[in-house]
């Protein structure tokens, strides 16, 4: 499966199959929330949250690809990511793009 954030793939003619998406809502445990809260006092990267968001993007991408595979897609183009907080310490990540099939 080819995944790109452009609306084309060089040398390929594409047949659009439709919008595909994948999402997840992730949170860290209360112990991590407390330790990350202390980190905001002194500043610096909140590594537990960085890891959480990376894992969430990976899972959202995997779910998007699974949806594209069900449509018989060869690729997903114009991929975008969005995130939002749904509550303190929890974030939703969505990956979406256009599933396409190679014509040539």
PDB file of N, CA and C in Angstrom:
ATOM      1  N   UNK A   1       0.858  -1.180   0.000  1.00  0.00           N
ATOM      2  CA  UNK A   1       0.000   0.000   0.000  1.00  0.00           C
ATOM      3  C   UNK A   1       0.896   1.232   0.000  1.00  0.00           C
ATOM      4  N   UNK A   2       0.678   2.101  -0.966  1.00  0.00           N
ATOM      5  CA  UNK A   2       1.424   3.352  -1.055  1.00  0.00           C
ATOM      6  C   UNK A   2       0.636   4.432  -0.304  1.00  0.00           C
ATOM      7  N   UNK A   3       1.330   5.163   0.566  1.00  0.00           N
ATOM      8  CA  UNK A   3       0.701   6.234   1.338  1.00  0.00           C
ATOM      9  C   UNK A   3       1.450   7.529   1.067  1.00  0.00           C
ATOM     10  N   UNK A   4       0.739   8.559   0.568  1.00  0.00           N
ATOM     11  CA  UNK A   4       1.380   9.838   0.272  1.00  0.00           C
ATOM     12  C   UNK A   4       0.484  10.992   0.712  1.00  0.00           C
ATOM     13  N   UNK A   5       1.123  12.139   0.945  1.00  0.00           N
ATOM     14  CA  UNK A   5       0.326  13.312   1.312  1.00  0.00           C
ATOM     15  C   UNK A   5       0.130  14.257   0.128  1.00  0.00           C
ATOM     16  N   UNK A   6       0.465  13.796  -1.069  1.00  0.00           N
ATOM     17  CA  UNK A   6       0.195  14.549  -2.292  1.00  0.00           C
ATOM     18  C   UNK A   6      -1.075  13.989  -2.927  1.00  0.00           C
ATOM     19  N   UNK A   7      -1.618  14.729  -3.908  1.00  0.00           N
ATOM     20  CA  UNK A   7      -2.848  14.237  -4.549  1.00  0.00           C
ATOM     21  C   UNK A   7      -2.549  13.463  -5.828  1.00  0.00           C
ATOM     22  N   UNK A   8      -1.299  13.062  -6.009  1.00  0.00           N
ATOM     23  CA  UNK A   8      -0.894  12.283  -7.186  1.00  0.00           C
ATOM     24  C   UNK A   8       0.267  11.368  -6.797  1.00  0.00           C
ATOM     25  N   UNK A   9       0.531  10.395  -7.662  1.00  0.00           N
ATOM     26  CA  UNK A   9       1.717   9.547  -7.536  1.00  0.00           C
ATOM     27  C   UNK A   9       2.378   9.576  -8.900  1.00  0.00           C
ATOM     28  N   UNK A  10       3.604  10.039  -8.965  1.00  0.00           N
ATOM     29  CA  UNK A  10       4.304  10.203 -10.238  1.00  0.00           C
ATOM     30  C   UNK A  10       4.261   8.927 -11.072  1.00  0.00           C
ATOM     31  N   UNK A  11       3.899   9.099 -12.347  1.00  0.00           N
ATOM     32  CA  UNK A  11       3.887   7.981 -13.280  1.00  0.00           C
ATOM     33  C   UNK A  11       2.675   7.078 -13.178  1.00  0.00           C
ATOM     34  N   UNK A  12       1.731   7.405 -12.336  1.00  0.00           N
ATOM     35  CA  UNK A  12       0.547   6.557 -12.155  1.00  0.00           C
ATOM     36  C   UNK A  12      -0.719   7.334 -12.489  1.00  0.00           C
ATOM     37  N   UNK A  13      -1.610   6.663 -13.209  1.00  0.00           N
ATOM     38  CA  UNK A  13      -2.955   7.211 -13.408  1.00  0.00           C
ATOM     39  C   UNK A  13      -3.824   6.593 -12.319  1.00  0.00           C
ATOM     40  N   UNK A  14      -4.612   7.429 -11.654  1.00  0.00           N
ATOM     41  CA  UNK A  14      -5.348   6.975 -10.490  1.00  0.00           C
ATOM     42  C   UNK A  14      -6.849   7.003 -10.707  1.00  0.00           C
ATOM     43  N   UNK A  15      -7.501   5.971 -10.222  1.00  0.00           N
ATOM     44  CA  UNK A  15      -8.965   5.931 -10.177  1.00  0.00           C
ATOM     45  C   UNK A  15      -9.351   6.114  -8.711  1.00  0.00           C
ATOM     46  N   UNK A  16     -10.113   7.150  -8.422  1.00  0.00           N
ATOM     47  CA  UNK A  16     -10.507   7.422  -7.035  1.00  0.00           C
ATOM     48  C   UNK A  16     -11.595   6.453  -6.592  1.00  0.00           C
ATOM     49  N   UNK A  17     -11.410   5.901  -5.403  1.00  0.00           N
ATOM     50  CA  UNK A  17     -12.381   4.972  -4.837  1.00  0.00           C
ATOM     51  C   UNK A  17     -13.210   5.613  -3.727  1.00  0.00           C
ATOM     52  N   UNK A  18     -12.668   6.618  -3.067  1.00  0.00           N
ATOM     53  CA  UNK A  18     -13.424   7.292  -2.026  1.00  0.00           C
ATOM     54  C   UNK A  18     -12.595   7.630  -0.807  1.00  0.00           C
ATOM     55  N   UNK A  19     -13.228   8.361   0.088  1.00  0.00           N
ATOM     56  CA  UNK A  19     -12.611   8.780   1.341  1.00  0.00           C
ATOM     57  C   UNK A  19     -12.446   7.582   2.271  1.00  0.00           C
ATOM     58  N   UNK A  20     -11.281   7.508   2.886  1.00  0.00           N
ATOM     59  CA  UNK A  20     -11.038   6.494   3.914  1.00  0.00           C
ATOM     60  C   UNK A  20     -10.489   7.203   5.152  1.00  0.00           C
ATOM     61  N   UNK A  21     -10.767   6.622   6.303  1.00  0.00           N
ATOM     62  CA  UNK A  21     -10.332   7.246   7.543  1.00  0.00           C
ATOM     63  C   UNK A  21     -10.080   6.192   8.606  1.00  0.00           C
ATOM     64  N   UNK A  22      -9.329   6.587   9.586  1.00  0.00           N
ATOM     65  CA  UNK A  22      -9.099   5.763  10.759  1.00  0.00           C
ATOM     66  C   UNK A  22      -8.920   6.686  11.935  1.00  0.00           C
ATOM     67  N   UNK A  23      -9.412   6.278  13.089  1.00  0.00           N
ATOM     68  CA  UNK A  23      -9.264   7.140  14.260  1.00  0.00           C
ATOM     69  C   UNK A  23      -9.086   6.316  15.520  1.00  0.00           C
ATOM     70  N   UNK A  24      -8.621   6.992  16.560  1.00  0.00           N
ATOM     71  CA  UNK A  24      -8.473   6.380  17.872  1.00  0.00           C
ATOM     72  C   UNK A  24      -8.495   7.476  18.917  1.00  0.00           C
ATOM     73  N   UNK A  25      -8.875   7.122  20.109  1.00  0.00           N
ATOM     74  CA  UNK A  25      -8.777   8.023  21.254  1.00  0.00           C
ATOM     75  C   UNK A  25      -7.854   7.340  22.252  1.00  0.00           C
ATOM     76  N   UNK A  26      -6.812   8.037  22.640  1.00  0.00           N
ATOM     77  CA  UNK A  26      -5.789   7.466  23.513  1.00  0.00           C
ATOM     78  C   UNK A  26      -5.679   8.293  24.790  1.00  0.00           C
ATOM     79  N   UNK A  27      -5.294   7.636  25.874  1.00  0.00           N
ATOM     80  CA  UNK A  27      -5.002   8.346  27.121  1.00  0.00           C
ATOM     81  C   UNK A  27      -3.866   7.632  27.827  1.00  0.00           C
ATOM     82  N   UNK A  28      -3.224   8.346  28.724  1.00  0.00           N
ATOM     83  CA  UNK A  28      -2.192   7.754  29.571  1.00  0.00           C
ATOM     84  C   UNK A  28      -2.782   7.498  30.949  1.00  0.00           C
ATOM     85  N   UNK A  29      -2.140   6.633  31.694  1.00  0.00           N
ATOM     86  CA  UNK A  29      -2.657   6.330  33.038  1.00  0.00           C
ATOM     87  C   UNK A  29      -2.433   7.498  33.996  1.00  0.00           C
ATOM     88  N   UNK A  30      -3.101   7.478  35.106  1.00  0.00           N
ATOM     89  CA  UNK A  30      -3.073   8.583  36.057  1.00  0.00           C
ATOM     90  C   UNK A  30      -1.664   8.847  36.582  1.00  0.00           C
ATOM     91  N   UNK A  31      -0.868   7.817  36.767  1.00  0.00           N
ATOM     92  CA  UNK A  31       0.519   7.994  37.220  1.00  0.00           C
ATOM     93  C   UNK A  31       1.326   8.809  36.228  1.00  0.00           C
ATOM     94  N   UNK A  32       1.152   8.506  34.956  1.00  0.00           N
ATOM     95  CA  UNK A  32       1.851   9.276  33.920  1.00  0.00           C
ATOM     96  C   UNK A  32       1.325  10.704  33.858  1.00  0.00           C
ATOM     97  N   UNK A  33       0.020  10.872  34.029  1.00  0.00           N
ATOM     98  CA  UNK A  33      -0.551  12.221  34.017  1.00  0.00           C
ATOM     99  C   UNK A  33       0.064  13.080  35.122  1.00  0.00           C
ATOM    100  N   UNK A  34       0.218  12.499  36.297  1.00  0.00           N
ATOM    101  CA  UNK A  34       0.797  13.247  37.423  1.00  0.00           C
ATOM    102  C   UNK A  34       2.252  13.601  37.134  1.00  0.00           C
ATOM    103  N   UNK A  35       3.029  12.630  36.649  1.00  0.00           N
ATOM    104  CA  UNK A  35       4.444  12.904  36.373  1.00  0.00           C
ATOM    105  C   UNK A  35       4.596  13.930  35.255  1.00  0.00           C
ATOM    106  N   UNK A  36       3.727  13.878  34.258  1.00  0.00           N
ATOM    107  CA  UNK A  36       3.792  14.852  33.167  1.00  0.00           C
ATOM    108  C   UNK A  36       3.337  16.229  33.649  1.00  0.00           C
ATOM    109  N   UNK A  37       2.421  16.248  34.608  1.00  0.00           N
ATOM    110  CA  UNK A  37       1.994  17.513  35.199  1.00  0.00           C
ATOM    111  C   UNK A  37       3.146  18.214  35.894  1.00  0.00           C
ATOM    112  N   UNK A  38       3.973  17.445  36.618  1.00  0.00           N
ATOM    113  CA  UNK A  38       5.151  18.026  37.267  1.00  0.00           C
ATOM    114  C   UNK A  38       6.132  18.560  36.227  1.00  0.00           C
ATOM    115  N   UNK A  39       6.223  17.882  35.107  1.00  0.00           N
ATOM    116  CA  UNK A  39       7.156  18.293  34.056  1.00  0.00           C
ATOM    117  C   UNK A  39       6.788  19.674  33.510  1.00  0.00           C
ATOM    118  N   UNK A  40       5.488  20.016  33.504  1.00  0.00           N
ATOM    119  CA  UNK A  40       5.086  21.328  32.987  1.00  0.00           C
ATOM    120  C   UNK A  40       5.594  22.461  33.869  1.00  0.00           C
ATOM    121  N   UNK A  41       5.929  22.168  35.120  1.00  0.00           N
ATOM    122  CA  UNK A  41       6.454  23.194  36.018  1.00  0.00           C
ATOM    123  C   UNK A  41       7.852  23.613  35.593  1.00  0.00           C
ATOM    124  N   UNK A  42       8.686  22.648  35.220  1.00  0.00           N
ATOM    125  CA  UNK A  42      10.075  22.956  34.855  1.00  0.00           C
ATOM    126  C   UNK A  42      10.276  23.114  33.357  1.00  0.00           C
ATOM    127  N   UNK A  43       9.313  22.684  32.568  1.00  0.00           N
ATOM    128  CA  UNK A  43       9.414  22.814  31.115  1.00  0.00           C
ATOM    129  C   UNK A  43      10.107  21.627  30.484  1.00  0.00           C
ATOM    130  N   UNK A  44      10.030  21.566  29.178  1.00  0.00           N
ATOM    131  CA  UNK A  44      10.659  20.484  28.433  1.00  0.00           C
ATOM    132  C   UNK A  44       9.623  19.610  27.760  1.00  0.00           C
ATOM    133  N   UNK A  45      10.119  18.646  27.019  1.00  0.00           N
ATOM    134  CA  UNK A  45       9.239  17.744  26.272  1.00  0.00           C
ATOM    135  C   UNK A  45       8.489  16.811  27.211  1.00  0.00           C
ATOM    136  N   UNK A  46       7.213  16.621  26.933  1.00  0.00           N
ATOM    137  CA  UNK A  46       6.399  15.660  27.678  1.00  0.00           C
ATOM    138  C   UNK A  46       6.467  14.327  26.929  1.00  0.00           C
ATOM    139  N   UNK A  47       7.506  13.559  27.216  1.00  0.00           N
ATOM    140  CA  UNK A  47       7.811  12.366  26.429  1.00  0.00           C
ATOM    141  C   UNK A  47       6.699  11.324  26.454  1.00  0.00           C
ATOM    142  N   UNK A  48       6.020  11.170  27.561  1.00  0.00           N
ATOM    143  CA  UNK A  48       4.936  10.180  27.630  1.00  0.00           C
ATOM    144  C   UNK A  48       3.815  10.563  26.670  1.00  0.00           C
ATOM    145  N   UNK A  49       3.536  11.865  26.562  1.00  0.00           N
ATOM    146  CA  UNK A  49       2.486  12.308  25.649  1.00  0.00           C
ATOM    147  C   UNK A  49       2.945  12.256  24.198  1.00  0.00           C
ATOM    148  N   UNK A  50       4.216  12.520  23.964  1.00  0.00           N
ATOM    149  CA  UNK A  50       4.760  12.377  22.605  1.00  0.00           C
ATOM    150  C   UNK A  50       4.616  10.937  22.151  1.00  0.00           C
ATOM    151  N   UNK A  51       4.969  10.000  23.026  1.00  0.00           N
ATOM    152  CA  UNK A  51       4.834   8.580  22.717  1.00  0.00           C
ATOM    153  C   UNK A  51       3.374   8.215  22.478  1.00  0.00           C
ATOM    154  N   UNK A  52       2.477   8.733  23.322  1.00  0.00           N
ATOM    155  CA  UNK A  52       1.051   8.442  23.180  1.00  0.00           C
ATOM    156  C   UNK A  52       0.538   8.916  21.821  1.00  0.00           C
ATOM    157  N   UNK A  53       0.924  10.125  21.409  1.00  0.00           N
ATOM    158  CA  UNK A  53       0.453  10.672  20.135  1.00  0.00           C
ATOM    159  C   UNK A  53       1.047   9.902  18.954  1.00  0.00           C
ATOM    160  N   UNK A  54       2.313   9.490  19.055  1.00  0.00           N
ATOM    161  CA  UNK A  54       2.913   8.678  17.991  1.00  0.00           C
ATOM    162  C   UNK A  54       2.176   7.352  17.843  1.00  0.00           C
ATOM    163  N   UNK A  55       1.867   6.715  18.957  1.00  0.00           N
ATOM    164  CA  UNK A  55       1.124   5.447  18.926  1.00  0.00           C
ATOM    165  C   UNK A  55      -0.274   5.659  18.345  1.00  0.00           C
ATOM    166  N   UNK A  56      -0.901   6.757  18.710  1.00  0.00           N
ATOM    167  CA  UNK A  56      -2.245   7.058  18.199  1.00  0.00           C
ATOM    168  C   UNK A  56      -2.216   7.283  16.689  1.00  0.00           C
ATOM    169  N   UNK A  57      -1.219   8.012  16.176  1.00  0.00           N
ATOM    170  CA  UNK A  57      -1.105   8.222  14.726  1.00  0.00           C
ATOM    171  C   UNK A  57      -0.886   6.905  13.994  1.00  0.00           C
ATOM    172  N   UNK A  58      -0.036   6.040  14.560  1.00  0.00           N
ATOM    173  CA  UNK A  58       0.207   4.731  13.945  1.00  0.00           C
ATOM    174  C   UNK A  58      -1.071   3.905  13.866  1.00  0.00           C
ATOM    175  N   UNK A  59      -1.833   3.887  14.945  1.00  0.00           N
ATOM    176  CA  UNK A  59      -3.072   3.105  14.982  1.00  0.00           C
ATOM    177  C   UNK A  59      -4.116   3.698  14.027  1.00  0.00           C
ATOM    178  N   UNK A  60      -4.245   5.016  13.998  1.00  0.00           N
ATOM    179  CA  UNK A  60      -5.199   5.659  13.089  1.00  0.00           C
ATOM    180  C   UNK A  60      -4.818   5.373  11.636  1.00  0.00           C
ATOM    181  N   UNK A  61      -3.529   5.413  11.332  1.00  0.00           N
ATOM    182  CA  UNK A  61      -3.061   5.113   9.976  1.00  0.00           C
ATOM    183  C   UNK A  61      -3.370   3.669   9.611  1.00  0.00           C
ATOM    184  N   UNK A  62      -3.114   2.747  10.532  1.00  0.00           N
ATOM    185  CA  UNK A  62      -3.395   1.324  10.298  1.00  0.00           C
ATOM    186  C   UNK A  62      -4.875   1.109   9.987  1.00  0.00           C
ATOM    187  N   UNK A  63      -5.744   1.755  10.739  1.00  0.00           N
ATOM    188  CA  UNK A  63      -7.186   1.607  10.518  1.00  0.00           C
ATOM    189  C   UNK A  63      -7.615   2.220   9.186  1.00  0.00           C
ATOM    190  N   UNK A  64      -6.990   3.331   8.794  1.00  0.00           N
ATOM    191  CA  UNK A  64      -7.278   3.940   7.506  1.00  0.00           C
ATOM    192  C   UNK A  64      -6.867   2.992   6.372  1.00  0.00           C
ATOM    193  N   UNK A  65      -5.694   2.390   6.484  1.00  0.00           N
ATOM    194  CA  UNK A  65      -5.199   1.455   5.470  1.00  0.00           C
ATOM    195  C   UNK A  65      -6.122   0.240   5.372  1.00  0.00           C
ATOM    196  N   UNK A  66      -6.583  -0.275   6.507  1.00  0.00           N
ATOM    197  CA  UNK A  66      -7.503  -1.417   6.492  1.00  0.00           C
ATOM    198  C   UNK A  66      -8.788  -1.074   5.741  1.00  0.00           C
ATOM    199  N   UNK A  67      -9.298   0.140   5.941  1.00  0.00           N
ATOM    200  CA  UNK A  67     -10.502   0.574   5.235  1.00  0.00           C
ATOM    201  C   UNK A  67     -10.233   0.677   3.730  1.00  0.00           C
ATOM    202  N   UNK A  68      -9.051   1.183   3.368  1.00  0.00           N
ATOM    203  CA  UNK A  68      -8.676   1.294   1.956  1.00  0.00           C
ATOM    204  C   UNK A  68      -8.542  -0.090   1.318  1.00  0.00           C
ATOM    205  N   UNK A  69      -7.957  -1.029   2.046  1.00  0.00           N
ATOM    206  CA  UNK A  69      -7.798  -2.393   1.527  1.00  0.00           C
ATOM    207  C   UNK A  69      -9.152  -3.041   1.250  1.00  0.00           C
ATOM    208  N   UNK A  70     -10.142  -2.759   2.081  1.00  0.00           N
ATOM    209  CA  UNK A  70     -11.488  -3.300   1.865  1.00  0.00           C
ATOM    210  C   UNK A  70     -12.091  -2.795   0.556  1.00  0.00           C
ATOM    211  N   UNK A  71     -11.664  -1.615   0.124  1.00  0.00           N
ATOM    212  CA  UNK A  71     -12.146  -1.049  -1.148  1.00  0.00           C
ATOM    213  C   UNK A  71     -11.325  -1.541  -2.343  1.00  0.00           C
ATOM    214  N   UNK A  72     -10.263  -2.305  -2.079  1.00  0.00           N
ATOM    215  CA  UNK A  72      -9.390  -2.786  -3.146  1.00  0.00           C
ATOM    216  C   UNK A  72      -8.382  -1.749  -3.606  1.00  0.00           C
ATOM    217  N   UNK A  73      -8.042  -0.807  -2.746  1.00  0.00           N
ATOM    218  CA  UNK A  73      -7.125   0.277  -3.106  1.00  0.00           C
ATOM    219  C   UNK A  73      -5.680  -0.199  -3.214  1.00  0.00           C
ATOM    220  N   UNK A  74      -4.946   0.484  -4.092  1.00  0.00           N
ATOM    221  CA  UNK A  74      -3.505   0.279  -4.208  1.00  0.00           C
ATOM    222  C   UNK A  74      -2.738   1.316  -3.401  1.00  0.00           C
ATOM    223  N   UNK A  75      -3.404   2.445  -3.108  1.00  0.00           N
ATOM    224  CA  UNK A  75      -2.746   3.551  -2.419  1.00  0.00           C
ATOM    225  C   UNK A  75      -3.784   4.443  -1.750  1.00  0.00           C
ATOM    226  N   UNK A  76      -3.276   5.288  -0.857  1.00  0.00           N
ATOM    227  CA  UNK A  76      -4.086   6.360  -0.276  1.00  0.00           C
ATOM    228  C   UNK A  76      -3.313   7.650  -0.527  1.00  0.00           C
ATOM    229  N   UNK A  77      -3.970   8.609  -1.175  1.00  0.00           N
ATOM    230  CA  UNK A  77      -3.333   9.882  -1.486  1.00  0.00           C
ATOM    231  C   UNK A  77      -3.947  10.994  -0.645  1.00  0.00           C
ATOM    232  N   UNK A  78      -3.229  12.106  -0.621  1.00  0.00           N
ATOM    233  CA  UNK A  78      -3.700  13.306   0.079  1.00  0.00           C
ATOM    234  C   UNK A  78      -4.012  13.027   1.553  1.00  0.00           C
ATOM    235  N   UNK A  79      -3.131  12.271   2.203  1.00  0.00           N
ATOM    236  CA  UNK A  79      -3.339  11.896   3.610  1.00  0.00           C
ATOM    237  C   UNK A  79      -3.150  13.105   4.515  1.00  0.00           C
ATOM    238  N   UNK A  80      -4.043  13.218   5.465  1.00  0.00           N
ATOM    239  CA  UNK A  80      -3.994  14.277   6.462  1.00  0.00           C
ATOM    240  C   UNK A  80      -4.247  13.682   7.846  1.00  0.00           C
ATOM    241  N   UNK A  81      -3.733  14.374   8.850  1.00  0.00           N
ATOM    242  CA  UNK A  81      -3.957  13.985  10.243  1.00  0.00           C
ATOM    243  C   UNK A  81      -4.568  15.162  10.984  1.00  0.00           C
ATOM    244  N   UNK A  82      -5.428  14.864  11.928  1.00  0.00           N
ATOM    245  CA  UNK A  82      -5.993  15.883  12.806  1.00  0.00           C
ATOM    246  C   UNK A  82      -6.076  15.292  14.200  1.00  0.00           C
ATOM    247  N   UNK A  83      -5.969  16.157  15.196  1.00  0.00           N
ATOM    248  CA  UNK A  83      -6.103  15.687  16.574  1.00  0.00           C
ATOM    249  C   UNK A  83      -6.864  16.717  17.382  1.00  0.00           C
ATOM    250  N   UNK A  84      -7.473  16.229  18.430  1.00  0.00           N
ATOM    251  CA  UNK A  84      -8.188  17.117  19.340  1.00  0.00           C
ATOM    252  C   UNK A  84      -8.253  16.476  20.713  1.00  0.00           C
ATOM    253  N   UNK A  85      -8.279  17.309  21.722  1.00  0.00           N
ATOM    254  CA  UNK A  85      -8.425  16.813  23.089  1.00  0.00           C
ATOM    255  C   UNK A  85      -9.897  16.516  23.332  1.00  0.00           C
ATOM    256  N   UNK A  86     -10.178  15.355  23.883  1.00  0.00           N
ATOM    257  CA  UNK A  86     -11.559  15.002  24.201  1.00  0.00           C
ATOM    258  C   UNK A  86     -11.824  15.132  25.699  1.00  0.00           C
ATOM    259  N   UNK A  87     -10.751  15.114  26.475  1.00  0.00           N
ATOM    260  CA  UNK A  87     -10.807  15.351  27.913  1.00  0.00           C
ATOM    261  C   UNK A  87      -9.372  15.488  28.390  1.00  0.00           C
ATOM    262  N   UNK A  88      -9.162  15.896  29.615  1.00  0.00           N
ATOM    263  CA  UNK A  88      -7.800  16.056  30.121  1.00  0.00           C
ATOM    264  C   UNK A  88      -7.048  14.731  30.031  1.00  0.00           C
ATOM    265  N   UNK A  89      -5.908  14.749  29.354  1.00  0.00           N
ATOM    266  CA  UNK A  89      -5.074  13.557  29.248  1.00  0.00           C
ATOM    267  C   UNK A  89      -5.494  12.574  28.182  1.00  0.00           C
ATOM    268  N   UNK A  90      -6.498  12.904  27.366  1.00  0.00           N
ATOM    269  CA  UNK A  90      -6.946  12.012  26.296  1.00  0.00           C
ATOM    270  C   UNK A  90      -7.093  12.810  25.006  1.00  0.00           C
ATOM    271  N   UNK A  91      -6.649  12.211  23.912  1.00  0.00           N
ATOM    272  CA  UNK A  91      -6.709  12.893  22.624  1.00  0.00           C
ATOM    273  C   UNK A  91      -7.214  11.944  21.548  1.00  0.00           C
ATOM    274  N   UNK A  92      -7.981  12.511  20.628  1.00  0.00           N
ATOM    275  CA  UNK A  92      -8.415  11.763  19.447  1.00  0.00           C
ATOM    276  C   UNK A  92      -7.476  12.125  18.303  1.00  0.00           C
ATOM    277  N   UNK A  93      -7.082  11.120  17.555  1.00  0.00           N
ATOM    278  CA  UNK A  93      -6.302  11.324  16.344  1.00  0.00           C
ATOM    279  C   UNK A  93      -7.059  10.672  15.211  1.00  0.00           C
ATOM    280  N   UNK A  94      -7.192  11.397  14.101  1.00  0.00           N
ATOM    281  CA  UNK A  94      -7.836  10.851  12.909  1.00  0.00           C
ATOM    282  C   UNK A  94      -6.881  11.001  11.737  1.00  0.00           C
ATOM    283  N   UNK A  95      -6.803   9.944  10.937  1.00  0.00           N
ATOM    284  CA  UNK A  95      -6.045   9.960   9.682  1.00  0.00           C
ATOM    285  C   UNK A  95      -7.060   9.771   8.568  1.00  0.00           C
ATOM    286  N   UNK A  96      -6.950  10.582   7.521  1.00  0.00           N
ATOM    287  CA  UNK A  96      -7.896  10.437   6.412  1.00  0.00           C
ATOM    288  C   UNK A  96      -7.232  10.781   5.098  1.00  0.00           C
ATOM    289  N   UNK A  97      -7.769  10.211   4.027  1.00  0.00           N
ATOM    290  CA  UNK A  97      -7.234  10.451   2.699  1.00  0.00           C
ATOM    291  C   UNK A  97      -8.162   9.847   1.665  1.00  0.00           C
ATOM    292  N   UNK A  98      -7.707   9.828   0.427  1.00  0.00           N
ATOM    293  CA  UNK A  98      -8.506   9.284  -0.680  1.00  0.00           C
ATOM    294  C   UNK A  98      -7.898   7.967  -1.130  1.00  0.00           C
ATOM    295  N   UNK A  99      -8.697   6.904  -1.075  1.00  0.00           N
ATOM    296  CA  UNK A  99      -8.269   5.588  -1.567  1.00  0.00           C
ATOM    297  C   UNK A  99      -8.295   5.615  -3.082  1.00  0.00           C
ATOM    298  N   UNK A 100      -7.245   5.083  -3.696  1.00  0.00           N
ATOM    299  CA  UNK A 100      -7.167   5.057  -5.157  1.00  0.00           C
ATOM    300  C   UNK A 100      -6.691   3.706  -5.647  1.00  0.00           C
ATOM    301  N   UNK A 101      -7.010   3.416  -6.889  1.00  0.00           N
ATOM    302  CA  UNK A 101      -6.554   2.203  -7.580  1.00  0.00           C
ATOM    303  C   UNK A 101      -5.705   2.675  -8.758  1.00  0.00           C
ATOM    304  N   UNK A 102      -4.614   1.956  -9.034  1.00  0.00           N
ATOM    305  CA  UNK A 102      -3.778   2.283 -10.187  1.00  0.00           C
ATOM    306  C   UNK A 102      -4.460   1.824 -11.459  1.00  0.00           C
ATOM    307  N   UNK A 103      -4.533   2.715 -12.448  1.00  0.00           N
ATOM    308  CA  UNK A 103      -5.140   2.379 -13.726  1.00  0.00           C
ATOM    309  C   UNK A 103      -4.091   1.777 -14.657  1.00  0.00           C
ATOM    310  N   UNK A 104      -2.867   2.286 -14.606  1.00  0.00           N
ATOM    311  CA  UNK A 104      -1.790   1.750 -15.468  1.00  0.00           C
ATOM    312  C   UNK A 104      -0.661   1.177 -14.661  1.00  0.00           C
TER     313      UNK A 104
END
